[in-house]
Structure formats: structure tokens, C-alpha cells
Amino acid sequence: MEAPSRARKALQNSIYGNNCPSAQINLSNSNCAVWTRSLLDAVIFILLRLFDAARWLLWLLLFARRLMGATIDAVAAALFRRYLSGVLVEANCVRMVRFIQDSIFSAESPATTDQEKILRMELAQRLTLEYFQEQLPNFIIKAIGQKKFRMGIQAVFRTLQYPRLNKQLSYVLLDVITRKLFPLENFLELQQ
């Protein structure tokens, strides 16, 4: 297959479709809980929905959120900002753009079979599980339960493998990289 036709096929594949063709906001329900940008709210949601954590752990996190939620969110935001400033240096951004470019427009790589995709997914899933088991403290895994922890990580992994979500995450990543490589101030100076 020629490079231009392969690239066209990759960009026009129907699997990616419209991300939200019938998105409508329902404002009639007044008892909807408002979602916040709080780290603890996100952790509680993930523990409740994906990991089916014990109620006592959720009550403990709800108490911590009420007592010191703003402090935890501020510390997490500062740590995350520091980590991202180290990761999003220009050399890494250029490398990520090249990886994305190679994955979309590469002409020399043969098409992968379904078996290769499954093997690659299983390997990535196993490595992800091992990574989280090494990085998280043991008491967190014990509080959730080993089996529930494994099933929760698998659910997160399957969710992140959804093609339309991957497309959206790629767009967000490219947007962040573009802003890092070409800051808005430089763009405004070029327009004047």
C-alpha cells in the first residue's frame, strides 16, 4: 500500500467517527451533582466505580476531603505541575510528535495482525499492573483487595483502549505539545 493512500485511510477510518454526534445537555434534572476538579473527588469516583472499594475506605476519603480537601488538591496540583514541566521539555515534545507521526504516516511498517494486537495489549496490561503494584503503597492495594485492584486496573486499561477516546486523548496531547513548542506569546508577536 502506498504511503499517501495508507495515510488517507488512517485519517478517514470510520472507527474514529464523530466523537459525540448526538451530544445534548439535559438541563431539566435539577438534582444533578456538579462535578468538580478536585483530586479527591476523582479518586473517590474511581475507587467507587472501578475498584469497588470498601465503604470504610470511601468514608475515610470523604472525611479527608471535608477536612483538608483544598490542601490535598493544592499539593497534588503543584506536584503534577512540577512533574509535567520536567516531562514536557522540547526534546520530549518533539519525540512524542515524531512517534505520533510515525504511527499515523509510517509507510514501511506492515499491518499488524489481530493476534499481534492482542499479545501487545496483554503485555501492556501486565506491565501496567506491575507498575502500579510497585508504585502504590501496599496498604492501598490491601485496602482495595488484590483481586478488585487487578480488575480495576484492567477496567481502566480497557477504557483507555477505546479508539474514540484514544483519538481525543491524542488531540489533547498534541494541543499541549503545540502550546509548549509554540507558546501563545510567540504566536501573537508573529501576527503583529
C-alpha atoms as a PDB file:
ATOM      1  CA  MET A   1       0.000   0.000   0.000  1.00  0.00           C
ATOM      2  CA  GLU A   2       1.366   3.410  -0.895  1.00  0.00           C
ATOM      3  CA  ALA A   3       2.170   5.909   1.848  1.00  0.00           C
ATOM      4  CA  PRO A   4      -0.379   8.586   0.793  1.00  0.00           C
ATOM      5  CA  SER A   5      -3.247   6.119   0.470  1.00  0.00           C
ATOM      6  CA  ARG A   6      -2.353   4.482   3.788  1.00  0.00           C
ATOM      7  CA  ALA A   7      -2.242   7.862   5.496  1.00  0.00           C
ATOM      8  CA  ARG A   8      -5.588   8.808   3.949  1.00  0.00           C
ATOM      9  CA  LYS A   9      -7.079   5.510   5.107  1.00  0.00           C
ATOM     10  CA  ALA A  10      -5.717   6.062   8.628  1.00  0.00           C
ATOM     11  CA  LEU A  11      -7.196   9.548   8.825  1.00  0.00           C
ATOM     12  CA  GLN A  12     -10.567   8.632   7.296  1.00  0.00           C
ATOM     13  CA  ASN A  13     -11.152   5.328   9.072  1.00  0.00           C
ATOM     14  CA  SER A  14     -14.798   5.032  10.113  1.00  0.00           C
ATOM     15  CA  ILE A  15     -13.886   3.604  13.514  1.00  0.00           C
ATOM     16  CA  TYR A  16     -12.964   7.092  14.727  1.00  0.00           C
ATOM     17  CA  GLY A  17     -16.186   8.698  13.509  1.00  0.00           C
ATOM     18  CA  ASN A  18     -17.722  11.684  15.201  1.00  0.00           C
ATOM     19  CA  ASN A  19     -16.838  11.731  18.888  1.00  0.00           C
ATOM     20  CA  CYS A  20     -20.265  12.903  20.008  1.00  0.00           C
ATOM     21  CA  PRO A  21     -22.810  13.050  17.172  1.00  0.00           C
ATOM     22  CA  SER A  22     -25.869  13.463  19.379  1.00  0.00           C
ATOM     23  CA  ALA A  23     -24.472  15.165  22.452  1.00  0.00           C
ATOM     24  CA  GLN A  24     -27.242  17.059  24.142  1.00  0.00           C
ATOM     25  CA  ILE A  25     -27.115  18.594  27.572  1.00  0.00           C
ATOM     26  CA  ASN A  26     -30.137  17.841  29.707  1.00  0.00           C
ATOM     27  CA  LEU A  27     -30.724  20.822  31.975  1.00  0.00           C
ATOM     28  CA  SER A  28     -34.156  19.691  33.182  1.00  0.00           C
ATOM     29  CA  ASN A  29     -32.854  17.498  36.013  1.00  0.00           C
ATOM     30  CA  SER A  30     -32.145  19.852  38.889  1.00  0.00           C
ATOM     31  CA  ASN A  31     -30.790  17.247  41.331  1.00  0.00           C
ATOM     32  CA  CYS A  32     -27.665  16.515  39.278  1.00  0.00           C
ATOM     33  CA  ALA A  33     -24.475  16.650  41.283  1.00  0.00           C
ATOM     34  CA  VAL A  34     -21.991  19.145  39.941  1.00  0.00           C
ATOM     35  CA  TRP A  35     -18.659  17.583  39.032  1.00  0.00           C
ATOM     36  CA  THR A  36     -15.642  19.366  40.400  1.00  0.00           C
ATOM     37  CA  ARG A  37     -11.970  19.401  39.516  1.00  0.00           C
ATOM     38  CA  SER A  38     -10.999  18.017  42.896  1.00  0.00           C
ATOM     39  CA  LEU A  39      -8.426  15.228  43.011  1.00  0.00           C
ATOM     40  CA  LEU A  40     -10.131  13.592  45.967  1.00  0.00           C
ATOM     41  CA  ASP A  41     -13.482  13.593  44.161  1.00  0.00           C
ATOM     42  CA  ALA A  42     -11.849  11.863  41.192  1.00  0.00           C
ATOM     43  CA  VAL A  43     -10.107   9.317  43.450  1.00  0.00           C
ATOM     44  CA  ILE A  44     -13.352   8.596  45.295  1.00  0.00           C
ATOM     45  CA  PHE A  45     -15.209   8.175  41.991  1.00  0.00           C
ATOM     46  CA  ILE A  46     -12.569   5.788  40.604  1.00  0.00           C
ATOM     47  CA  LEU A  47     -12.399   3.771  43.826  1.00  0.00           C
ATOM     48  CA  LEU A  48     -16.178   3.529  43.999  1.00  0.00           C
ATOM     49  CA  ARG A  49     -16.969   2.788  40.345  1.00  0.00           C
ATOM     50  CA  LEU A  50     -13.935   0.882  39.053  1.00  0.00           C
ATOM     51  CA  PHE A  51     -12.320  -0.722  42.088  1.00  0.00           C
ATOM     52  CA  ASP A  52     -15.472  -1.342  44.166  1.00  0.00           C
ATOM     53  CA  ALA A  53     -13.529  -0.297  47.260  1.00  0.00           C
ATOM     54  CA  ALA A  54     -14.659  -0.984  50.805  1.00  0.00           C
ATOM     55  CA  ARG A  55     -17.104   1.506  52.278  1.00  0.00           C
ATOM     56  CA  TRP A  56     -14.837   2.331  55.223  1.00  0.00           C
ATOM     57  CA  LEU A  57     -12.115   3.487  52.811  1.00  0.00           C
ATOM     58  CA  LEU A  58     -14.576   5.700  50.958  1.00  0.00           C
ATOM     59  CA  TRP A  59     -15.849   7.170  54.242  1.00  0.00           C
ATOM     60  CA  LEU A  60     -12.261   7.867  55.269  1.00  0.00           C
ATOM     61  CA  LEU A  61     -11.603   9.674  51.985  1.00  0.00           C
ATOM     62  CA  LEU A  62     -14.849  11.635  52.303  1.00  0.00           C
ATOM     63  CA  PHE A  63     -13.762  12.716  55.781  1.00  0.00           C
ATOM     64  CA  ALA A  64     -10.317  13.708  54.442  1.00  0.00           C
ATOM     65  CA  ARG A  65     -11.962  15.650  51.625  1.00  0.00           C
ATOM     66  CA  ARG A  66     -14.102  17.574  54.077  1.00  0.00           C
ATOM     67  CA  LEU A  67     -11.223  18.220  56.469  1.00  0.00           C
ATOM     68  CA  MET A  68      -8.349  19.035  54.108  1.00  0.00           C
ATOM     69  CA  GLY A  69      -9.552  18.655  50.526  1.00  0.00           C
ATOM     70  CA  ALA A  70      -8.295  22.046  49.325  1.00  0.00           C
ATOM     71  CA  THR A  71      -4.836  21.405  50.776  1.00  0.00           C
ATOM     72  CA  ILE A  72      -4.562  17.980  49.154  1.00  0.00           C
ATOM     73  CA  ASP A  73      -5.718  19.399  45.817  1.00  0.00           C
ATOM     74  CA  ALA A  74      -3.194  22.261  46.000  1.00  0.00           C
ATOM     75  CA  VAL A  75      -0.306  19.921  46.841  1.00  0.00           C
ATOM     76  CA  ALA A  76      -1.316  17.483  44.083  1.00  0.00           C
ATOM     77  CA  ALA A  77      -1.589  20.328  41.551  1.00  0.00           C
ATOM     78  CA  ALA A  78       1.864  21.635  42.500  1.00  0.00           C
ATOM     79  CA  LEU A  79       3.423  18.167  42.238  1.00  0.00           C
ATOM     80  CA  PHE A  80       1.679  17.495  38.935  1.00  0.00           C
ATOM     81  CA  ARG A  81       2.787  20.869  37.543  1.00  0.00           C
ATOM     82  CA  ARG A  82       6.395  20.172  38.564  1.00  0.00           C
ATOM     83  CA  TYR A  83       6.276  16.699  37.008  1.00  0.00           C
ATOM     84  CA  LEU A  84       4.781  17.984  33.744  1.00  0.00           C
ATOM     85  CA  SER A  85       7.331  20.779  33.471  1.00  0.00           C
ATOM     86  CA  GLY A  86      10.041  18.118  33.565  1.00  0.00           C
ATOM     87  CA  VAL A  87       8.292  15.821  31.107  1.00  0.00           C
ATOM     88  CA  LEU A  88       7.215  18.450  28.593  1.00  0.00           C
ATOM     89  CA  VAL A  89      10.665  19.740  27.701  1.00  0.00           C
ATOM     90  CA  GLU A  90      11.124  20.486  23.997  1.00  0.00           C
ATOM     91  CA  ALA A  91      13.128  17.335  23.267  1.00  0.00           C
ATOM     92  CA  ASN A  92      10.394  15.089  24.697  1.00  0.00           C
ATOM     93  CA  CYS A  93       7.665  17.025  22.876  1.00  0.00           C
ATOM     94  CA  VAL A  94       9.466  16.628  19.558  1.00  0.00           C
ATOM     95  CA  ARG A  95       9.944  12.915  20.261  1.00  0.00           C
ATOM     96  CA  MET A  96       6.211  12.490  21.019  1.00  0.00           C
ATOM     97  CA  VAL A  97       5.230  14.316  17.827  1.00  0.00           C
ATOM     98  CA  ARG A  98       7.546  12.033  15.839  1.00  0.00           C
ATOM     99  CA  PHE A  99       6.046   8.933  17.487  1.00  0.00           C
ATOM    100  CA  ILE A 100       2.552  10.101  16.584  1.00  0.00           C
ATOM    101  CA  GLN A 101       3.673  10.975  13.059  1.00  0.00           C
ATOM    102  CA  ASP A 102       5.317   7.563  12.611  1.00  0.00           C
ATOM    103  CA  SER A 103       2.273   5.731  13.938  1.00  0.00           C
ATOM    104  CA  ILE A 104      -0.063   7.529  11.516  1.00  0.00           C
ATOM    105  CA  PHE A 105       2.026   8.051   8.387  1.00  0.00           C
ATOM    106  CA  SER A 106       4.671   5.312   8.523  1.00  0.00           C
ATOM    107  CA  ALA A 107       4.851   3.517   5.171  1.00  0.00           C
ATOM    108  CA  GLU A 108       7.419   0.826   5.941  1.00  0.00           C
ATOM    109  CA  SER A 109       5.672  -0.847   8.886  1.00  0.00           C
ATOM    110  CA  PRO A 110       3.490  -3.824   7.937  1.00  0.00           C
ATOM    111  CA  ALA A 111      -0.090  -4.010   9.151  1.00  0.00           C
ATOM    112  CA  THR A 112      -0.347  -5.797  12.481  1.00  0.00           C
ATOM    113  CA  THR A 113      -2.483  -8.898  12.805  1.00  0.00           C
ATOM    114  CA  ASP A 114      -5.235  -9.316  15.389  1.00  0.00           C
ATOM    115  CA  GLN A 115      -3.088 -11.820  17.281  1.00  0.00           C
ATOM    116  CA  GLU A 116      -0.198  -9.329  17.496  1.00  0.00           C
ATOM    117  CA  LYS A 117      -2.583  -6.657  18.767  1.00  0.00           C
ATOM    118  CA  ILE A 118      -3.926  -8.994  21.454  1.00  0.00           C
ATOM    119  CA  LEU A 119      -0.427 -10.028  22.541  1.00  0.00           C
ATOM    120  CA  ARG A 120       0.699  -6.397  22.675  1.00  0.00           C
ATOM    121  CA  MET A 121      -2.389  -5.458  24.691  1.00  0.00           C
ATOM    122  CA  GLU A 122      -1.842  -8.303  27.182  1.00  0.00           C
ATOM    123  CA  LEU A 123       1.816  -7.341  27.615  1.00  0.00           C
ATOM    124  CA  ALA A 124       0.961  -3.676  28.136  1.00  0.00           C
ATOM    125  CA  GLN A 125      -1.783  -4.610  30.593  1.00  0.00           C
ATOM    126  CA  ARG A 126       0.575  -6.845  32.590  1.00  0.00           C
ATOM    127  CA  LEU A 127       3.287  -4.163  32.653  1.00  0.00           C
ATOM    128  CA  THR A 128       0.750  -1.536  33.749  1.00  0.00           C
ATOM    129  CA  LEU A 129      -0.451  -3.749  36.593  1.00  0.00           C
ATOM    130  CA  GLU A 130       3.137  -4.435  37.693  1.00  0.00           C
ATOM    131  CA  TYR A 131       3.954  -0.720  37.558  1.00  0.00           C
ATOM    132  CA  PHE A 132       1.027   0.244  39.789  1.00  0.00           C
ATOM    133  CA  GLN A 133       1.799  -2.587  42.214  1.00  0.00           C
ATOM    134  CA  GLU A 134       5.368  -1.288  42.538  1.00  0.00           C
ATOM    135  CA  GLN A 135       4.462   2.412  42.779  1.00  0.00           C
ATOM    136  CA  LEU A 136       1.456   2.337  45.099  1.00  0.00           C
ATOM    137  CA  PRO A 137       1.960   1.635  48.798  1.00  0.00           C
ATOM    138  CA  ASN A 138       0.978  -1.889  49.850  1.00  0.00           C
ATOM    139  CA  PHE A 139      -1.681  -0.678  52.288  1.00  0.00           C
ATOM    140  CA  ILE A 140      -3.665   0.887  49.422  1.00  0.00           C
ATOM    141  CA  ILE A 141      -3.694  -2.378  47.473  1.00  0.00           C
ATOM    142  CA  LYS A 142      -4.597  -4.328  50.629  1.00  0.00           C
ATOM    143  CA  ALA A 143      -7.389  -1.861  51.453  1.00  0.00           C
ATOM    144  CA  ILE A 144      -8.894  -2.298  47.997  1.00  0.00           C
ATOM    145  CA  GLY A 145      -8.168  -6.013  47.754  1.00  0.00           C
ATOM    146  CA  GLN A 146      -5.763  -7.720  45.336  1.00  0.00           C
ATOM    147  CA  LYS A 147      -8.474  -9.128  43.053  1.00  0.00           C
ATOM    148  CA  LYS A 148     -10.509  -5.894  42.955  1.00  0.00           C
ATOM    149  CA  PHE A 149      -7.312  -3.932  42.325  1.00  0.00           C
ATOM    150  CA  ARG A 150      -6.402  -6.153  39.363  1.00  0.00           C
ATOM    151  CA  MET A 151      -9.924  -5.955  37.932  1.00  0.00           C
ATOM    152  CA  GLY A 152      -9.989  -2.160  38.377  1.00  0.00           C
ATOM    153  CA  ILE A 153      -6.662  -1.706  36.582  1.00  0.00           C
ATOM    154  CA  GLN A 154      -7.959  -3.917  33.757  1.00  0.00           C
ATOM    155  CA  ALA A 155     -11.126  -1.798  33.515  1.00  0.00           C
ATOM    156  CA  VAL A 156      -9.073   1.414  33.334  1.00  0.00           C
ATOM    157  CA  PHE A 157      -6.813  -0.171  30.721  1.00  0.00           C
ATOM    158  CA  ARG A 158      -9.767  -1.329  28.573  1.00  0.00           C
ATOM    159  CA  THR A 159     -11.332   2.118  28.824  1.00  0.00           C
ATOM    160  CA  LEU A 160      -8.156   3.796  27.626  1.00  0.00           C
ATOM    161  CA  GLN A 161      -8.006   1.413  24.643  1.00  0.00           C
ATOM    162  CA  TYR A 162     -11.308   2.701  23.263  1.00  0.00           C
ATOM    163  CA  PRO A 163     -10.491   4.127  19.782  1.00  0.00           C
ATOM    164  CA  ARG A 164     -12.555   7.306  20.038  1.00  0.00           C
ATOM    165  CA  LEU A 165     -11.139   8.084  23.469  1.00  0.00           C
ATOM    166  CA  ASN A 166      -7.629   7.467  22.130  1.00  0.00           C
ATOM    167  CA  LYS A 167      -8.350   9.900  19.319  1.00  0.00           C
ATOM    168  CA  GLN A 168      -9.495  12.570  21.769  1.00  0.00           C
ATOM    169  CA  LEU A 169      -6.528  11.956  24.085  1.00  0.00           C
ATOM    170  CA  SER A 170      -4.179  12.262  21.098  1.00  0.00           C
ATOM    171  CA  TYR A 171      -5.759  15.604  20.194  1.00  0.00           C
ATOM    172  CA  VAL A 172      -5.352  16.872  23.756  1.00  0.00           C
ATOM    173  CA  LEU A 173      -1.730  15.681  23.852  1.00  0.00           C
ATOM    174  CA  LEU A 174      -0.967  17.347  20.517  1.00  0.00           C
ATOM    175  CA  ASP A 175      -2.610  20.551  21.759  1.00  0.00           C
ATOM    176  CA  VAL A 176      -0.437  20.573  24.890  1.00  0.00           C
ATOM    177  CA  ILE A 177       2.697  19.815  22.866  1.00  0.00           C
ATOM    178  CA  THR A 178       1.870  22.543  20.345  1.00  0.00           C
ATOM    179  CA  ARG A 179       1.382  25.086  23.118  1.00  0.00           C
ATOM    180  CA  LYS A 180       4.677  24.028  24.682  1.00  0.00           C
ATOM    181  CA  LEU A 181       6.629  24.208  21.422  1.00  0.00           C
ATOM    182  CA  PHE A 182       4.916  27.365  20.156  1.00  0.00           C
ATOM    183  CA  PRO A 183       3.798  29.495  23.114  1.00  0.00           C
ATOM    184  CA  LEU A 184       0.890  31.881  22.598  1.00  0.00           C
ATOM    185  CA  GLU A 185       3.113  34.935  23.143  1.00  0.00           C
ATOM    186  CA  ASN A 186       5.283  33.984  20.159  1.00  0.00           C
ATOM    187  CA  PHE A 187       2.173  33.443  18.034  1.00  0.00           C
ATOM    188  CA  LEU A 188       0.769  36.859  18.967  1.00  0.00           C
ATOM    189  CA  GLU A 189       4.111  38.534  18.166  1.00  0.00           C
ATOM    190  CA  LEU A 190       4.117  36.924  14.713  1.00  0.00           C
ATOM    191  CA  GLN A 191       0.638  38.265  13.956  1.00  0.00           C
ATOM    192  CA  GLN A 192       1.593  41.893  14.727  1.00  0.00           C
END
